[in-house]
C-alpha cells in the first residue's frame, strides 16, 4: 500500500494566536493570543529558557497556521480562558511501559522525514508545569510499531519552565489511521493524560474515526524536515513545585527515597506496600509510588 502524502501547511505569516487545535472559549482569537504572548514575554524577561526550533523561532504552539484548505486553524484550549484541558484519547494496542528516558528517538540509520515537536505544558491557570512526565510512542516510517524493542519510544520530563522538545520522524501510515503521535502526560502526583497528536493537511484526517481537530499540531517545513509545536493544558492547577534537589521536610518511609535512580523492574516498599518500577527515572518528592501509576505498579 502506498502511504498518503501529507500536504504541508502554509508557513505562518503572523503570530496572532495558537494553532494546535480547537478551543471552546468565547474570547476573540486576538484577545486570547495577547494573554499567551504576555506570558511568553514575562518568561523571557525573567530569563527563563524557552525551546527553539531549528529556524530560531520560539517553539510555542501559538503561531498562526493554516490547513491544506487554507482555513486558519482554531486555537487549542487556552489555559488563561478557563477552557477545557487537552482532550484525552484511547491508548491503543501498541503502548509499552519501561520506555527509555530520552528526548530523541532518532538513531544512526533512522529512515524517515525528521520531525521536531516542541512546546510547553501548562496547568488550567496558565502556569507552566515543571517535572511533567511525557511518554511518547509512534509508528516508524513504514507504519509499524516496535513491539520487540523500544524504537520510537521514549519518555522525558518538562524542564523548570514547563518546556519539552522531542526529536523523531514523521510517523508512517497503517490501515485505518491517519498520521499521529501517542503521548502520556502526568504532572507529579496527578492523573495520567493519554492522548494523541495529529498533523494538519493529512488526507486521512477526514476518515479516521479517532481524529480530533483539537489535537492538531502546528506543523511547518524547516530544519531539513518538519517542525511542530503543541502546548498541553493539564487539568491541574499550575505553579512552582518543590525543588527536587532539596530533601523533603517529612522523609517518606519505606525503601523508596527521593533523589535515587530507579530502573525498570526495581522493587521498593512505600507506606507498607510493595511496588515495581515501570520505567527508569530519578525519584523526586511528589512522585511517591502511590501518586504516579505511570512509574510504579503495586505488587499483589
Foldseek 3Di string as FASTA:
>chain_A
DDFFDFDFWDDFPFQQFFAQFAWDFDDDRNVLLVVVVVVVVVCVVVVHDFDADPVRHGQARRTWIAFPVRDTHHHAYRLCRQTDFQAFADQDDQDAFAAAADQELDDPPADAFKEKEKHFEAESNRQTAWFKKKWKAAAGQQRHGDNPDRRRTHIYTQHQRRMGMHIYHFHTDDPQDWTKMWIWIGGQLGDIGTHIADEGRTPCLVVRPRRHRSRYWRWHDDPRGIYTYDYGYDHDHDDGDDDQVDADPDFWDWDDGAQAWDAAQDWTDGPRFIKGFRYIDGHGPSNPQVRDPSTIDTDD
